[in-house]
Amino acid sequence: MRYKALKAPYALETLEALRRGALPEGEETRVVDPRGAGPDDVERYIEPLVEKLNHIRSRYPEHLRQRDPRGGQFEAEACVEIHKCLPFDPAMLGDHEFWTWLAVFRFRELVDWRYGGKAAPANFGIGNWSENLMYRLWLRADIVYKPGDKNDPYSLARRGDQDFWRSHVFRQDYGKCRSLVRALVRYQFPDSSPDSPTLNSKEIRELAKRLRRLHPTLIYECLDESAAYELVQREAEAVKRALKQTNR
């Protein structure tokens, strides 16, 4: 797969130049690196993705606050399309500079819109690649994707609000374990509504701490989804008991 990557040392200045209007002539060849090989080019997959994401965006307000719940609703829809449209090429998907190029060159206006008009550089993967909006949305869909599910293989990706995914999945070490993340999503959001979580904000924060503490002594990657769900359920009940004792 042939693709492009925005070199990290030039990413911020490139973003700022594009926001001012355009890169100086010939500048793109200095800051963008063509990578990969083969007859296929990722550009042909990006054009349909642009159309799909713009179509989703058209159903939302022209302006969003940074923490607007409707932004979280947009993410729940957009993550599925990003995962569907981008081809599975490990070298490309594992290249953080590809994701920065994608966010800066192809989805700059969308990222800015999502974050209230002017997104922080980290949301483009600049300075902190894991905060790149496009990468996070792809990862959200990928980590809970269930191939073979005839009803909806993206059912779990559509659940949960933005704070849940960022704080309790992506920023946690256990967030790389598919079975545990699937179990956590199923437990916290037993139906499709992000407004009816099982645990309140204090309880889910404490559960994340417990899961983080357990990880060094329990190999989550060896658990199947059923065992992972039992673990999440058990630790969540322990959290509830502990908080109840504290509040007496």
Protein backbone atom coordinates (compact mmCIF):
# COMPACT_ATOMS: atom_id res chain seq x y z
CA MET A 1 0.00 0.00 0.00
CA ARG A 2 1.38 3.38 -1.00
CA TYR A 3 0.62 6.23 1.39
CA LYS A 4 1.96 9.55 2.64
CA ALA A 5 3.38 10.54 6.01
CA LEU A 6 3.82 14.00 7.51
CA LYS A 7 7.27 14.10 9.09
CA ALA A 8 6.99 14.83 12.81
CA PRO A 9 9.60 17.67 12.93
CA TYR A 10 7.57 19.65 10.37
CA ALA A 11 4.06 18.76 11.49
CA LEU A 12 3.26 21.83 13.59
CA GLU A 13 4.60 24.37 11.11
CA THR A 14 2.69 22.59 8.33
CA LEU A 15 -0.55 22.73 10.27
CA GLU A 16 -0.08 26.42 10.98
CA ALA A 17 0.76 27.16 7.33
CA LEU A 18 -2.33 25.34 6.09
CA ARG A 19 -4.47 27.21 8.59
CA ARG A 20 -3.10 30.48 7.19
CA GLY A 21 -4.12 29.44 3.71
CA ALA A 22 -1.60 27.20 1.98
CA LEU A 23 1.91 25.79 2.07
CA PRO A 24 4.58 27.72 0.18
CA GLU A 25 5.25 26.30 -3.29
CA GLY A 26 7.35 23.16 -3.15
CA GLU A 27 7.04 22.88 0.64
CA GLU A 28 4.94 19.73 0.59
CA THR A 29 7.78 17.69 -0.94
CA ARG A 30 9.98 18.69 2.02
CA VAL A 31 7.54 17.85 4.80
CA VAL A 32 5.67 14.86 3.33
CA ASP A 33 7.30 11.50 2.82
CA PRO A 34 5.86 8.97 0.31
CA ARG A 35 5.96 5.52 1.89
CA GLY A 36 4.86 1.97 1.23
CA ALA A 37 4.92 0.06 -2.02
CA GLY A 38 2.71 -1.75 -4.50
CA PRO A 39 0.10 -0.78 -7.06
CA ASP A 40 -2.56 0.26 -4.55
CA ASP A 41 -2.69 3.81 -3.20
CA VAL A 42 -4.56 4.81 -0.05
CA GLU A 43 -5.81 7.97 -1.75
CA ARG A 44 -8.53 6.02 -3.54
CA TYR A 45 -9.93 4.91 -0.18
CA ILE A 46 -9.78 8.37 1.35
CA GLU A 47 -12.06 10.09 -1.13
CA PRO A 48 -15.10 7.93 -0.21
CA LEU A 49 -14.23 8.44 3.46
CA VAL A 50 -14.26 12.24 3.03
CA GLU A 51 -17.74 12.00 1.53
CA LYS A 52 -19.05 9.73 4.27
CA LEU A 53 -17.70 11.83 7.15
CA ASN A 54 -18.95 15.06 5.60
CA HIS A 55 -22.37 13.46 5.20
CA ILE A 56 -22.41 12.50 8.88
CA ARG A 57 -21.19 15.96 9.88
CA SER A 58 -24.02 17.59 7.88
CA ARG A 59 -26.49 16.22 10.44
CA TYR A 60 -24.77 18.10 13.27
CA PRO A 61 -24.57 21.80 14.17
CA GLU A 62 -22.22 24.04 12.23
CA HIS A 63 -20.41 24.89 15.46
CA LEU A 64 -19.65 22.56 18.36
CA ARG A 65 -18.25 23.20 21.81
CA GLN A 66 -15.15 21.16 22.54
CA ARG A 67 -16.97 18.93 25.03
CA ASP A 68 -20.35 19.05 23.36
CA PRO A 69 -22.14 15.67 23.79
CA ARG A 70 -23.09 15.87 20.13
CA GLY A 71 -19.41 15.65 19.32
CA GLY A 72 -19.36 12.31 21.10
CA GLN A 73 -22.35 11.20 19.05
CA PHE A 74 -20.49 12.18 15.91
CA GLU A 75 -17.49 10.09 16.99
CA ALA A 76 -19.71 7.05 17.57
CA GLU A 77 -20.88 7.27 13.95
CA ALA A 78 -17.61 8.36 12.36
CA CYS A 79 -15.43 5.64 13.89
CA VAL A 80 -17.34 2.95 12.00
CA GLU A 81 -16.89 4.63 8.61
CA ILE A 82 -13.18 5.23 9.17
CA HIS A 83 -12.65 1.58 10.00
CA LYS A 84 -14.74 0.42 7.05
CA CYS A 85 -13.08 2.68 4.50
CA LEU A 86 -9.38 2.42 5.33
CA PRO A 87 -7.71 -0.75 4.04
CA PHE A 88 -5.99 -3.02 6.52
CA ASP A 89 -2.30 -2.45 5.94
CA PRO A 90 -0.27 -2.97 9.15
CA ALA A 91 2.67 -0.86 8.02
CA MET A 92 0.44 2.10 7.19
CA LEU A 93 -1.92 1.81 10.16
CA GLY A 94 1.02 1.46 12.53
CA ASP A 95 2.74 4.56 11.13
CA HIS A 96 1.86 7.50 13.38
CA GLU A 97 3.08 9.97 10.76
CA PHE A 98 0.50 8.60 8.31
CA TRP A 99 -2.25 9.46 10.79
CA THR A 100 -0.82 12.96 11.25
CA TRP A 101 -0.77 13.45 7.47
CA LEU A 102 -4.35 12.21 7.25
CA ALA A 103 -5.58 14.56 9.98
CA VAL A 104 -3.63 17.62 8.84
CA PHE A 105 -3.95 17.35 5.05
CA ARG A 106 -7.27 15.61 4.53
CA PHE A 107 -9.38 16.20 7.64
CA ARG A 108 -8.04 19.43 9.12
CA GLU A 109 -11.37 21.27 8.94
CA LEU A 110 -13.22 18.29 10.40
CA VAL A 111 -10.82 18.00 13.35
CA ASP A 112 -11.05 21.74 14.00
CA TRP A 113 -14.86 21.58 13.83
CA ARG A 114 -14.94 18.67 16.27
CA TYR A 115 -12.97 20.68 18.82
CA GLY A 116 -14.85 23.94 18.75
CA GLY A 117 -13.22 25.65 15.78
CA LYS A 118 -9.51 25.26 16.44
CA ALA A 119 -8.23 21.93 17.70
CA ALA A 120 -5.09 21.59 19.79
CA PRO A 121 -2.07 20.20 17.89
CA ALA A 122 -2.34 16.93 19.86
CA ASN A 123 -5.70 16.26 18.20
CA PHE A 124 -3.76 16.01 14.93
CA GLY A 125 -1.19 13.70 16.50
CA ILE A 126 1.35 16.51 16.93
CA GLY A 127 3.29 16.18 20.17
CA ASN A 128 1.11 13.27 21.27
CA TRP A 129 0.33 10.81 18.49
CA SER A 130 -2.16 8.82 20.60
CA GLU A 131 -4.50 11.85 20.81
CA ASN A 132 -4.87 12.05 17.02
CA LEU A 133 -8.64 12.12 16.43
CA MET A 134 -8.53 10.05 13.24
CA TYR A 135 -6.34 7.39 14.83
CA ARG A 136 -8.46 7.23 17.99
CA LEU A 137 -11.64 6.75 16.01
CA TRP A 138 -10.12 3.99 13.89
CA LEU A 139 -8.79 2.29 17.03
CA ARG A 140 -12.16 2.60 18.78
CA ALA A 141 -13.83 0.63 16.01
CA ASP A 142 -10.99 -1.83 15.54
CA ILE A 143 -10.56 -2.89 19.16
CA VAL A 144 -14.18 -3.95 19.58
CA TYR A 145 -14.87 -5.01 15.98
CA LYS A 146 -16.47 -8.45 15.87
CA PRO A 147 -16.15 -10.02 12.42
CA GLY A 148 -18.83 -12.55 11.66
CA ASP A 149 -21.50 -10.74 13.66
CA LYS A 150 -24.36 -10.72 11.17
CA ASN A 151 -26.37 -8.12 13.09
CA ASP A 152 -23.75 -5.42 13.57
CA PRO A 153 -20.01 -6.14 13.95
CA TYR A 154 -19.60 -2.52 15.14
CA SER A 155 -22.28 -2.66 17.82
CA LEU A 156 -19.86 -2.05 20.71
CA ALA A 157 -17.99 0.71 18.86
CA ARG A 158 -21.22 2.70 18.72
CA ARG A 159 -21.68 2.57 22.50
CA GLY A 160 -20.24 4.88 25.12
CA ASP A 161 -19.47 8.57 25.34
CA GLN A 162 -16.28 10.40 24.45
CA ASP A 163 -15.00 10.59 28.04
CA PHE A 164 -15.39 6.86 28.53
CA TRP A 165 -13.31 6.01 25.46
CA ARG A 166 -10.58 8.58 26.08
CA SER A 167 -10.22 8.26 29.85
CA HIS A 168 -11.06 4.63 30.51
CA VAL A 169 -9.87 2.90 27.35
CA PHE A 170 -7.26 4.79 25.31
CA ARG A 171 -5.36 6.24 28.25
CA GLN A 172 -5.18 2.96 30.15
CA ASP A 173 -2.63 0.19 29.69
CA TYR A 174 -5.39 -2.41 29.55
CA GLY A 175 -6.95 -0.49 26.64
CA LYS A 176 -4.93 -2.63 24.22
CA CYS A 177 -6.62 -5.86 25.34
CA ARG A 178 -9.55 -6.56 23.05
CA SER A 179 -11.45 -9.00 25.26
CA LEU A 180 -11.24 -6.74 28.30
CA VAL A 181 -12.29 -3.62 26.40
CA ARG A 182 -15.24 -5.45 24.86
CA ALA A 183 -16.27 -6.69 28.28
CA LEU A 184 -15.90 -3.23 29.81
CA VAL A 185 -18.03 -1.63 27.08
CA ARG A 186 -20.71 -4.32 27.44
CA TYR A 187 -20.80 -3.89 31.20
CA GLN A 188 -20.78 -0.10 31.31
CA PHE A 189 -23.17 0.37 28.38
CA PRO A 190 -25.49 -2.66 28.24
CA ASP A 191 -27.59 -0.98 25.59
CA SER A 192 -26.88 1.56 22.85
CA SER A 193 -27.61 4.64 24.98
CA PRO A 194 -24.58 6.57 26.32
CA ASP A 195 -26.94 8.23 28.79
CA SER A 196 -27.57 5.09 30.85
CA PRO A 197 -24.19 3.77 32.03
CA THR A 198 -24.06 1.07 34.70
CA LEU A 199 -21.51 2.93 36.83
CA ASN A 200 -21.49 6.63 37.64
CA SER A 201 -18.42 8.77 36.97
CA LYS A 202 -16.85 8.18 40.38
CA GLU A 203 -17.41 4.44 40.19
CA ILE A 204 -15.97 4.04 36.69
CA ARG A 205 -12.87 6.01 37.70
CA GLU A 206 -12.34 3.68 40.65
CA LEU A 207 -12.90 0.63 38.45
CA ALA A 208 -10.22 1.88 36.06
CA LYS A 209 -7.79 2.17 38.98
CA ARG A 210 -8.54 -1.39 40.12
CA LEU A 211 -8.13 -2.80 36.61
CA ARG A 212 -4.86 -0.91 36.24
CA ARG A 213 -3.53 -2.27 39.54
CA LEU A 214 -4.50 -5.83 38.65
CA HIS A 215 -2.92 -5.82 35.21
CA PRO A 216 0.70 -6.50 36.28
CA THR A 217 -0.38 -9.70 38.05
CA LEU A 218 -3.12 -10.86 35.66
CA ILE A 219 -2.56 -11.33 31.94
CA TYR A 220 -5.71 -9.80 30.51
CA GLU A 221 -4.68 -10.83 27.00
CA CYS A 222 -5.16 -14.48 27.99
CA LEU A 223 -8.79 -13.97 29.07
CA ASP A 224 -11.61 -14.71 26.69
CA GLU A 225 -14.48 -12.25 26.62
CA SER A 226 -16.60 -14.26 29.05
CA ALA A 227 -13.82 -14.42 31.66
CA ALA A 228 -13.04 -10.74 31.09
CA TYR A 229 -16.68 -9.82 31.66
CA GLU A 230 -16.72 -11.77 34.94
CA LEU A 231 -13.59 -9.90 36.02
CA VAL A 232 -15.07 -6.49 35.18
CA GLN A 233 -18.32 -7.37 36.93
CA ARG A 234 -16.53 -8.62 40.05
CA GLU A 235 -14.28 -5.58 40.32
CA ALA A 236 -17.18 -3.22 39.68
CA GLU A 237 -19.14 -4.78 42.54
CA ALA A 238 -16.09 -4.42 44.78
CA VAL A 239 -15.90 -0.73 43.81
CA LYS A 240 -19.55 -0.22 44.74
CA ARG A 241 -19.05 -1.89 48.14
CA ALA A 242 -15.91 0.13 48.88
CA LEU A 243 -17.54 3.44 47.99
CA LYS A 244 -20.61 2.57 50.02
CA GLN A 245 -18.41 1.92 53.05
CA THR A 246 -16.56 5.19 52.51
CA ASN A 247 -19.78 7.18 52.30
CA ARG A 248 -21.21 5.83 55.54
